[in-house]
């Protein structure tokens, strides 16, 4: 659909394409295959002109911290049992090592587009993208799972931009973007199950891209394409995996930072 991987899951997206995933790879029967693919694509990108940026989601943090409430029987079985799965997710296990040492960022700024799993409030935005990632890395290394960065108002769990009224959250969003000198925020975490479509809020300053791609949620399929300031939602066409239905989501209004705060 996006044209970045071929049928053999090899990169064909070209030299100037960046791929960002906003987390929650885990808690499905495909956990092993997905992490193997994610790790391989990331490692290949280190010596290539394109970029692959997998971010951490709250479900990765839950599993690292031993919170297994959403792990399915099929997921345990795919590892060979609970013991083997626990070992893989431990600090010395292959997934634990992958997430703690390699794929350990919660947020990313690409040309003023800030990607994050849950959302970044103005308070967290003050420390900047690099600051948040450093806090997460330190907390993970120290197994400090009670750190506020993993709390309800932190970047992994915050749902305000997706759920609260725009009247109450758009001003908060613009403050956060201003702190980070960013144009917009792209978030996951809150599945858009009623529509199965990407949600644009606050006049295109935040996009909620979790459409429920998991089979548990209906296997809705979508991606957000950003080329300069042109923003397009891509949706799967049933029976035609190489095609995409394209919907223009480019904002019609540009905010003037100080005037709107």
C-alpha atoms as a PDB file:
ATOM      1  CA  UNK A   1       0.000   0.000   0.000  1.00  0.00           C
ATOM      2  CA  UNK A   2       2.717   2.493   0.935  1.00  0.00           C
ATOM      3  CA  UNK A   3       5.286   1.193  -1.525  1.00  0.00           C
ATOM      4  CA  UNK A   4       8.118   0.998   0.999  1.00  0.00           C
ATOM      5  CA  UNK A   5       8.374  -2.822   1.258  1.00  0.00           C
ATOM      6  CA  UNK A   6       8.056  -5.494  -1.415  1.00  0.00           C
ATOM      7  CA  UNK A   7       6.360  -8.879  -1.040  1.00  0.00           C
ATOM      8  CA  UNK A   8       9.533 -10.236   0.573  1.00  0.00           C
ATOM      9  CA  UNK A   9       9.569  -7.403   3.135  1.00  0.00           C
ATOM     10  CA  UNK A  10      12.627  -5.796   1.562  1.00  0.00           C
ATOM     11  CA  UNK A  11      12.952  -2.000   1.440  1.00  0.00           C
ATOM     12  CA  UNK A  12      11.896  -0.435  -1.872  1.00  0.00           C
ATOM     13  CA  UNK A  13      10.883   2.965  -0.512  1.00  0.00           C
ATOM     14  CA  UNK A  14      13.779   4.858  -2.051  1.00  0.00           C
ATOM     15  CA  UNK A  15      16.554   6.977  -0.583  1.00  0.00           C
ATOM     16  CA  UNK A  16      14.548   9.963   0.626  1.00  0.00           C
ATOM     17  CA  UNK A  17      11.791   8.138   2.502  1.00  0.00           C
ATOM     18  CA  UNK A  18      11.521   7.897   6.279  1.00  0.00           C
ATOM     19  CA  UNK A  19       9.277   5.346   7.991  1.00  0.00           C
ATOM     20  CA  UNK A  20       8.046   5.989  11.535  1.00  0.00           C
ATOM     21  CA  UNK A  21       6.109   3.524  13.696  1.00  0.00           C
ATOM     22  CA  UNK A  22       4.510   4.923  16.849  1.00  0.00           C
ATOM     23  CA  UNK A  23       4.717   1.772  18.966  1.00  0.00           C
ATOM     24  CA  UNK A  24       2.581  -1.077  20.320  1.00  0.00           C
ATOM     25  CA  UNK A  25       4.068  -3.830  18.193  1.00  0.00           C
ATOM     26  CA  UNK A  26       3.550  -6.331  21.012  1.00  0.00           C
ATOM     27  CA  UNK A  27       0.620  -8.397  22.383  1.00  0.00           C
ATOM     28  CA  UNK A  28      -0.286 -10.350  19.270  1.00  0.00           C
ATOM     29  CA  UNK A  29       0.602 -13.795  17.903  1.00  0.00           C
ATOM     30  CA  UNK A  30       2.958 -11.982  15.499  1.00  0.00           C
ATOM     31  CA  UNK A  31       5.118 -10.337  18.179  1.00  0.00           C
ATOM     32  CA  UNK A  32       8.272 -12.287  17.313  1.00  0.00           C
ATOM     33  CA  UNK A  33       8.017 -11.734  13.559  1.00  0.00           C
ATOM     34  CA  UNK A  34       7.203  -8.049  13.991  1.00  0.00           C
ATOM     35  CA  UNK A  35      10.168  -7.358  16.270  1.00  0.00           C
ATOM     36  CA  UNK A  36      12.486  -9.322  13.997  1.00  0.00           C
ATOM     37  CA  UNK A  37      11.291  -7.296  11.008  1.00  0.00           C
ATOM     38  CA  UNK A  38      11.462  -4.004  12.893  1.00  0.00           C
ATOM     39  CA  UNK A  39      14.971  -4.694  14.158  1.00  0.00           C
ATOM     40  CA  UNK A  40      16.216  -5.730  10.727  1.00  0.00           C
ATOM     41  CA  UNK A  41      14.753  -2.708   8.945  1.00  0.00           C
ATOM     42  CA  UNK A  42      16.183  -0.380  11.581  1.00  0.00           C
ATOM     43  CA  UNK A  43      19.669  -1.915  11.374  1.00  0.00           C
ATOM     44  CA  UNK A  44      19.639  -1.775   7.573  1.00  0.00           C
ATOM     45  CA  UNK A  45      18.668   1.895   7.686  1.00  0.00           C
ATOM     46  CA  UNK A  46      21.763   2.787   9.721  1.00  0.00           C
ATOM     47  CA  UNK A  47      23.922   2.459   6.605  1.00  0.00           C
ATOM     48  CA  UNK A  48      21.298   3.579   4.091  1.00  0.00           C
ATOM     49  CA  UNK A  49      20.001   6.976   2.922  1.00  0.00           C
ATOM     50  CA  UNK A  50      16.489   6.246   4.167  1.00  0.00           C
ATOM     51  CA  UNK A  51      15.323   6.215   7.779  1.00  0.00           C
ATOM     52  CA  UNK A  52      13.409   3.663   9.863  1.00  0.00           C
ATOM     53  CA  UNK A  53      12.277   4.917  13.269  1.00  0.00           C
ATOM     54  CA  UNK A  54      10.351   2.503  15.529  1.00  0.00           C
ATOM     55  CA  UNK A  55       9.127   4.242  18.688  1.00  0.00           C
ATOM     56  CA  UNK A  56       8.120   2.701  21.991  1.00  0.00           C
ATOM     57  CA  UNK A  57       4.467   2.404  22.951  1.00  0.00           C
ATOM     58  CA  UNK A  58       2.835   1.863  26.319  1.00  0.00           C
ATOM     59  CA  UNK A  59       2.430  -1.863  25.599  1.00  0.00           C
ATOM     60  CA  UNK A  60       6.178  -2.290  25.161  1.00  0.00           C
ATOM     61  CA  UNK A  61       6.683  -0.583  28.522  1.00  0.00           C
ATOM     62  CA  UNK A  62       3.997  -2.738  30.142  1.00  0.00           C
ATOM     63  CA  UNK A  63       5.689  -5.921  28.967  1.00  0.00           C
ATOM     64  CA  UNK A  64       9.154  -4.761  30.001  1.00  0.00           C
ATOM     65  CA  UNK A  65       7.833  -3.936  33.465  1.00  0.00           C
ATOM     66  CA  UNK A  66       6.065  -7.295  33.854  1.00  0.00           C
ATOM     67  CA  UNK A  67       2.504  -6.053  33.279  1.00  0.00           C
ATOM     68  CA  UNK A  68       1.130  -8.839  31.077  1.00  0.00           C
ATOM     69  CA  UNK A  69      -2.589  -8.151  31.329  1.00  0.00           C
ATOM     70  CA  UNK A  70      -3.028  -7.845  27.539  1.00  0.00           C
ATOM     71  CA  UNK A  71      -0.837 -10.774  26.510  1.00  0.00           C
ATOM     72  CA  UNK A  72      -2.873 -13.401  24.678  1.00  0.00           C
ATOM     73  CA  UNK A  73      -2.578 -17.167  24.944  1.00  0.00           C
ATOM     74  CA  UNK A  74      -1.466 -17.207  21.310  1.00  0.00           C
ATOM     75  CA  UNK A  75       1.342 -14.764  22.125  1.00  0.00           C
ATOM     76  CA  UNK A  76       2.632 -16.949  24.970  1.00  0.00           C
ATOM     77  CA  UNK A  77       2.393 -19.998  22.717  1.00  0.00           C
ATOM     78  CA  UNK A  78       4.388 -18.344  19.927  1.00  0.00           C
ATOM     79  CA  UNK A  79       7.367 -18.054  22.307  1.00  0.00           C
ATOM     80  CA  UNK A  80       7.039 -21.654  23.457  1.00  0.00           C
ATOM     81  CA  UNK A  81       5.415 -20.755  26.767  1.00  0.00           C
ATOM     82  CA  UNK A  82       5.346 -18.095  29.479  1.00  0.00           C
ATOM     83  CA  UNK A  83       8.835 -18.912  30.766  1.00  0.00           C
ATOM     84  CA  UNK A  84      10.428 -18.490  27.339  1.00  0.00           C
ATOM     85  CA  UNK A  85       8.501 -15.298  26.716  1.00  0.00           C
ATOM     86  CA  UNK A  86       9.572 -13.849  30.062  1.00  0.00           C
ATOM     87  CA  UNK A  87      13.191 -14.650  29.238  1.00  0.00           C
ATOM     88  CA  UNK A  88      12.933 -12.929  25.844  1.00  0.00           C
ATOM     89  CA  UNK A  89      11.560  -9.778  27.494  1.00  0.00           C
ATOM     90  CA  UNK A  90      14.088  -9.706  30.347  1.00  0.00           C
ATOM     91  CA  UNK A  91      16.976  -7.235  30.437  1.00  0.00           C
ATOM     92  CA  UNK A  92      19.228  -9.934  28.982  1.00  0.00           C
ATOM     93  CA  UNK A  93      16.665 -11.327  26.543  1.00  0.00           C
ATOM     94  CA  UNK A  94      16.702 -10.507  22.849  1.00  0.00           C
ATOM     95  CA  UNK A  95      13.584  -8.325  22.918  1.00  0.00           C
ATOM     96  CA  UNK A  96      14.605  -6.660  26.177  1.00  0.00           C
ATOM     97  CA  UNK A  97      18.021  -5.876  24.726  1.00  0.00           C
ATOM     98  CA  UNK A  98      16.489  -4.632  21.473  1.00  0.00           C
ATOM     99  CA  UNK A  99      14.136  -2.223  23.231  1.00  0.00           C
ATOM    100  CA  UNK A 100      16.466  -1.033  25.973  1.00  0.00           C
ATOM    101  CA  UNK A 101      19.562  -0.534  23.855  1.00  0.00           C
ATOM    102  CA  UNK A 102      18.413   0.070  20.294  1.00  0.00           C
ATOM    103  CA  UNK A 103      14.741   0.941  19.831  1.00  0.00           C
ATOM    104  CA  UNK A 104      14.473   2.979  23.013  1.00  0.00           C
ATOM    105  CA  UNK A 105      12.974   6.312  21.940  1.00  0.00           C
ATOM    106  CA  UNK A 106       9.476   7.489  22.770  1.00  0.00           C
ATOM    107  CA  UNK A 107       9.449  10.492  20.451  1.00  0.00           C
ATOM    108  CA  UNK A 108      11.026  11.816  17.267  1.00  0.00           C
ATOM    109  CA  UNK A 109      11.137  15.147  15.438  1.00  0.00           C
ATOM    110  CA  UNK A 110      11.434  15.005  11.651  1.00  0.00           C
ATOM    111  CA  UNK A 111      11.337  18.442  10.026  1.00  0.00           C
ATOM    112  CA  UNK A 112       8.942  19.817  12.635  1.00  0.00           C
ATOM    113  CA  UNK A 113       6.734  16.720  12.665  1.00  0.00           C
ATOM    114  CA  UNK A 114       6.818  15.295  16.192  1.00  0.00           C
ATOM    115  CA  UNK A 115       5.908  11.610  16.449  1.00  0.00           C
ATOM    116  CA  UNK A 116       4.980  10.012  19.774  1.00  0.00           C
ATOM    117  CA  UNK A 117       2.860   7.128  20.973  1.00  0.00           C
ATOM    118  CA  UNK A 118       0.374   8.846  23.292  1.00  0.00           C
ATOM    119  CA  UNK A 119       0.879  12.601  23.248  1.00  0.00           C
ATOM    120  CA  UNK A 120       3.169  15.283  24.642  1.00  0.00           C
ATOM    121  CA  UNK A 121       1.693  17.860  26.984  1.00  0.00           C
ATOM    122  CA  UNK A 122       3.189  21.329  27.294  1.00  0.00           C
ATOM    123  CA  UNK A 123       4.828  20.319  30.580  1.00  0.00           C
ATOM    124  CA  UNK A 124       6.731  17.443  28.993  1.00  0.00           C
ATOM    125  CA  UNK A 125       7.429  19.424  25.838  1.00  0.00           C
ATOM    126  CA  UNK A 126       9.538  21.884  27.825  1.00  0.00           C
ATOM    127  CA  UNK A 127      12.347  19.339  28.080  1.00  0.00           C
ATOM    128  CA  UNK A 128      12.331  18.776  24.328  1.00  0.00           C
ATOM    129  CA  UNK A 129      12.431  15.587  22.278  1.00  0.00           C
ATOM    130  CA  UNK A 130      15.987  14.675  23.290  1.00  0.00           C
ATOM    131  CA  UNK A 131      15.237  15.349  26.942  1.00  0.00           C
ATOM    132  CA  UNK A 132      12.206  13.061  26.956  1.00  0.00           C
ATOM    133  CA  UNK A 133      14.128  10.268  25.265  1.00  0.00           C
ATOM    134  CA  UNK A 134      16.940  10.575  27.814  1.00  0.00           C
ATOM    135  CA  UNK A 135      14.462  10.336  30.693  1.00  0.00           C
ATOM    136  CA  UNK A 136      12.908   7.208  29.168  1.00  0.00           C
ATOM    137  CA  UNK A 137      16.274   5.528  28.567  1.00  0.00           C
ATOM    138  CA  UNK A 138      17.417   6.240  32.123  1.00  0.00           C
ATOM    139  CA  UNK A 139      14.157   5.033  33.661  1.00  0.00           C
ATOM    140  CA  UNK A 140      14.260   1.834  31.599  1.00  0.00           C
ATOM    141  CA  UNK A 141      17.866   1.068  32.538  1.00  0.00           C
ATOM    142  CA  UNK A 142      17.062   1.614  36.217  1.00  0.00           C
ATOM    143  CA  UNK A 143      13.746  -0.247  35.935  1.00  0.00           C
ATOM    144  CA  UNK A 144      12.072   2.826  37.390  1.00  0.00           C
ATOM    145  CA  UNK A 145       8.604   1.947  36.145  1.00  0.00           C
ATOM    146  CA  UNK A 146       6.950   4.421  38.527  1.00  0.00           C
ATOM    147  CA  UNK A 147       8.707   7.332  36.843  1.00  0.00           C
ATOM    148  CA  UNK A 148       6.148   9.990  35.787  1.00  0.00           C
ATOM    149  CA  UNK A 149       7.252   9.555  32.170  1.00  0.00           C
ATOM    150  CA  UNK A 150       5.325   6.260  32.266  1.00  0.00           C
ATOM    151  CA  UNK A 151       2.311   7.842  33.993  1.00  0.00           C
ATOM    152  CA  UNK A 152      -1.090   8.858  32.681  1.00  0.00           C
ATOM    153  CA  UNK A 153       0.032  12.363  31.709  1.00  0.00           C
ATOM    154  CA  UNK A 154       3.285  11.153  30.171  1.00  0.00           C
ATOM    155  CA  UNK A 155       4.019  10.629  26.475  1.00  0.00           C
ATOM    156  CA  UNK A 156       3.126   6.916  26.527  1.00  0.00           C
ATOM    157  CA  UNK A 157      -0.371   7.122  28.021  1.00  0.00           C
ATOM    158  CA  UNK A 158      -1.736  10.638  27.476  1.00  0.00           C
ATOM    159  CA  UNK A 159      -4.979  10.578  25.446  1.00  0.00           C
ATOM    160  CA  UNK A 160      -6.116  14.188  25.727  1.00  0.00           C
ATOM    161  CA  UNK A 161      -5.330  15.212  22.159  1.00  0.00           C
ATOM    162  CA  UNK A 162      -7.316  12.251  20.836  1.00  0.00           C
ATOM    163  CA  UNK A 163     -10.282  12.257  23.215  1.00  0.00           C
ATOM    164  CA  UNK A 164     -10.834  15.578  24.961  1.00  0.00           C
ATOM    165  CA  UNK A 165     -12.763  18.432  23.381  1.00  0.00           C
ATOM    166  CA  UNK A 166     -10.766  20.507  20.940  1.00  0.00           C
ATOM    167  CA  UNK A 167     -11.810  23.596  22.858  1.00  0.00           C
ATOM    168  CA  UNK A 168      -9.892  22.319  25.873  1.00  0.00           C
ATOM    169  CA  UNK A 169      -6.846  20.683  24.272  1.00  0.00           C
ATOM    170  CA  UNK A 170      -5.896  22.693  21.192  1.00  0.00           C
ATOM    171  CA  UNK A 171      -4.390  25.506  23.245  1.00  0.00           C
ATOM    172  CA  UNK A 172      -2.387  22.946  25.234  1.00  0.00           C
ATOM    173  CA  UNK A 173      -1.249  21.372  21.978  1.00  0.00           C
ATOM    174  CA  UNK A 174      -0.080  24.675  20.529  1.00  0.00           C
ATOM    175  CA  UNK A 175       1.892  25.410  23.691  1.00  0.00           C
ATOM    176  CA  UNK A 176       3.555  22.010  23.447  1.00  0.00           C
ATOM    177  CA  UNK A 177       4.387  22.512  19.777  1.00  0.00           C
ATOM    178  CA  UNK A 178       5.794  25.952  20.477  1.00  0.00           C
ATOM    179  CA  UNK A 179       8.067  24.575  23.226  1.00  0.00           C
ATOM    180  CA  UNK A 180       9.410  22.020  20.748  1.00  0.00           C
ATOM    181  CA  UNK A 181       9.503  24.460  17.810  1.00  0.00           C
ATOM    182  CA  UNK A 182       7.360  21.972  15.892  1.00  0.00           C
ATOM    183  CA  UNK A 183       4.581  22.251  13.326  1.00  0.00           C
ATOM    184  CA  UNK A 184       2.418  19.291  14.260  1.00  0.00           C
ATOM    185  CA  UNK A 185       2.183  16.128  16.341  1.00  0.00           C
ATOM    186  CA  UNK A 186       1.457  12.619  15.079  1.00  0.00           C
ATOM    187  CA  UNK A 187       0.188  10.185  17.711  1.00  0.00           C
ATOM    188  CA  UNK A 188      -1.068   6.607  18.047  1.00  0.00           C
ATOM    189  CA  UNK A 189      -2.398   4.905  21.199  1.00  0.00           C
ATOM    190  CA  UNK A 190      -6.118   5.714  20.813  1.00  0.00           C
ATOM    191  CA  UNK A 191      -7.694   3.480  18.126  1.00  0.00           C
ATOM    192  CA  UNK A 192     -10.251   5.155  15.902  1.00  0.00           C
ATOM    193  CA  UNK A 193     -12.520   2.127  15.867  1.00  0.00           C
ATOM    194  CA  UNK A 194     -15.767   3.841  14.881  1.00  0.00           C
ATOM    195  CA  UNK A 195     -14.354   5.168  11.624  1.00  0.00           C
ATOM    196  CA  UNK A 196     -11.221   3.118  11.009  1.00  0.00           C
ATOM    197  CA  UNK A 197      -9.721   6.335   9.675  1.00  0.00           C
ATOM    198  CA  UNK A 198      -6.976   8.763  10.642  1.00  0.00           C
ATOM    199  CA  UNK A 199      -8.286  11.633  12.747  1.00  0.00           C
ATOM    200  CA  UNK A 200      -7.173  15.234  12.176  1.00  0.00           C
ATOM    201  CA  UNK A 201      -7.779  17.687  15.039  1.00  0.00           C
ATOM    202  CA  UNK A 202      -6.917  21.257  15.989  1.00  0.00           C
ATOM    203  CA  UNK A 203      -6.856  22.314  12.331  1.00  0.00           C
ATOM    204  CA  UNK A 204      -4.299  19.722  11.356  1.00  0.00           C
ATOM    205  CA  UNK A 205      -1.873  20.300  14.214  1.00  0.00           C
ATOM    206  CA  UNK A 206      -2.398  16.776  15.530  1.00  0.00           C
ATOM    207  CA  UNK A 207      -3.118  13.540  13.681  1.00  0.00           C
ATOM    208  CA  UNK A 208      -4.297  10.386  15.451  1.00  0.00           C
ATOM    209  CA  UNK A 209      -3.049   7.560  13.245  1.00  0.00           C
ATOM    210  CA  UNK A 210      -4.081   4.458  15.226  1.00  0.00           C
ATOM    211  CA  UNK A 211      -6.956   3.091  13.143  1.00  0.00           C
ATOM    212  CA  UNK A 212      -7.047  -0.389  14.717  1.00  0.00           C
ATOM    213  CA  UNK A 213      -4.677  -2.269  12.417  1.00  0.00           C
ATOM    214  CA  UNK A 214      -4.675  -5.329  14.679  1.00  0.00           C
ATOM    215  CA  UNK A 215      -7.048  -8.156  13.766  1.00  0.00           C
ATOM    216  CA  UNK A 216      -8.436  -7.750  17.291  1.00  0.00           C
ATOM    217  CA  UNK A 217      -9.718  -4.311  16.268  1.00  0.00           C
ATOM    218  CA  UNK A 218     -10.843  -5.181  12.750  1.00  0.00           C
ATOM    219  CA  UNK A 219      -7.578  -5.061  10.780  1.00  0.00           C
ATOM    220  CA  UNK A 220      -8.133  -1.510   9.562  1.00  0.00           C
ATOM    221  CA  UNK A 221      -5.205  -0.469   7.396  1.00  0.00           C
ATOM    222  CA  UNK A 222      -3.852   3.069   7.063  1.00  0.00           C
ATOM    223  CA  UNK A 223      -0.717   5.196   6.915  1.00  0.00           C
ATOM    224  CA  UNK A 224      -0.026   8.922   7.037  1.00  0.00           C
ATOM    225  CA  UNK A 225       2.166  10.343   4.278  1.00  0.00           C
ATOM    226  CA  UNK A 226       3.881  13.695   4.830  1.00  0.00           C
ATOM    227  CA  UNK A 227       5.683  15.354   1.929  1.00  0.00           C
ATOM    228  CA  UNK A 228       6.668  18.886   2.868  1.00  0.00           C
ATOM    229  CA  UNK A 229       3.447  20.438   4.126  1.00  0.00           C
ATOM    230  CA  UNK A 230       1.207  18.153   2.069  1.00  0.00           C
ATOM    231  CA  UNK A 231      -0.410  15.487   4.229  1.00  0.00           C
ATOM    232  CA  UNK A 232      -2.241  12.476   2.835  1.00  0.00           C
ATOM    233  CA  UNK A 233      -4.005   9.558   4.480  1.00  0.00           C
ATOM    234  CA  UNK A 234      -3.467   6.229   2.734  1.00  0.00           C
ATOM    235  CA  UNK A 235      -6.019   3.440   3.142  1.00  0.00           C
ATOM    236  CA  UNK A 236      -5.904  -0.156   1.948  1.00  0.00           C
ATOM    237  CA  UNK A 237      -8.020  -1.170  -1.024  1.00  0.00           C
ATOM    238  CA  UNK A 238      -9.593  -4.570  -0.388  1.00  0.00           C
ATOM    239  CA  UNK A 239      -8.115  -7.235  -2.614  1.00  0.00           C
ATOM    240  CA  UNK A 240      -5.538  -4.833  -4.056  1.00  0.00           C
ATOM    241  CA  UNK A 241      -2.557  -4.752  -1.657  1.00  0.00           C
ATOM    242  CA  UNK A 242      -0.428  -2.682  -4.043  1.00  0.00           C
ATOM    243  CA  UNK A 243      -2.991   0.114  -4.231  1.00  0.00           C
ATOM    244  CA  UNK A 244      -4.080   2.779  -1.771  1.00  0.00           C
ATOM    245  CA  UNK A 245      -7.051   5.091  -1.463  1.00  0.00           C
ATOM    246  CA  UNK A 246      -5.614   8.548  -0.911  1.00  0.00           C
ATOM    247  CA  UNK A 247      -7.358  11.264   1.106  1.00  0.00           C
ATOM    248  CA  UNK A 248      -5.913  14.773   1.331  1.00  0.00           C
ATOM    249  CA  UNK A 249      -5.631  15.930   4.969  1.00  0.00           C
ATOM    250  CA  UNK A 250      -3.491  19.001   4.335  1.00  0.00           C
ATOM    251  CA  UNK A 251      -4.551  21.715   6.818  1.00  0.00           C
ATOM    252  CA  UNK A 252      -6.266  24.719   5.304  1.00  0.00           C
ATOM    253  CA  UNK A 253      -5.321  27.032   8.178  1.00  0.00           C
ATOM    254  CA  UNK A 254      -1.902  27.945   9.559  1.00  0.00           C
ATOM    255  CA  UNK A 255      -1.651  29.131  13.145  1.00  0.00           C
ATOM    256  CA  UNK A 256       0.333  32.188  14.118  1.00  0.00           C
ATOM    257  CA  UNK A 257       2.158  31.053  17.226  1.00  0.00           C
ATOM    258  CA  UNK A 258       1.944  34.028  19.557  1.00  0.00           C
ATOM    259  CA  UNK A 259      -1.412  35.271  18.314  1.00  0.00           C
ATOM    260  CA  UNK A 260      -3.068  31.924  19.021  1.00  0.00           C
ATOM    261  CA  UNK A 261      -1.631  31.510  22.516  1.00  0.00           C
END
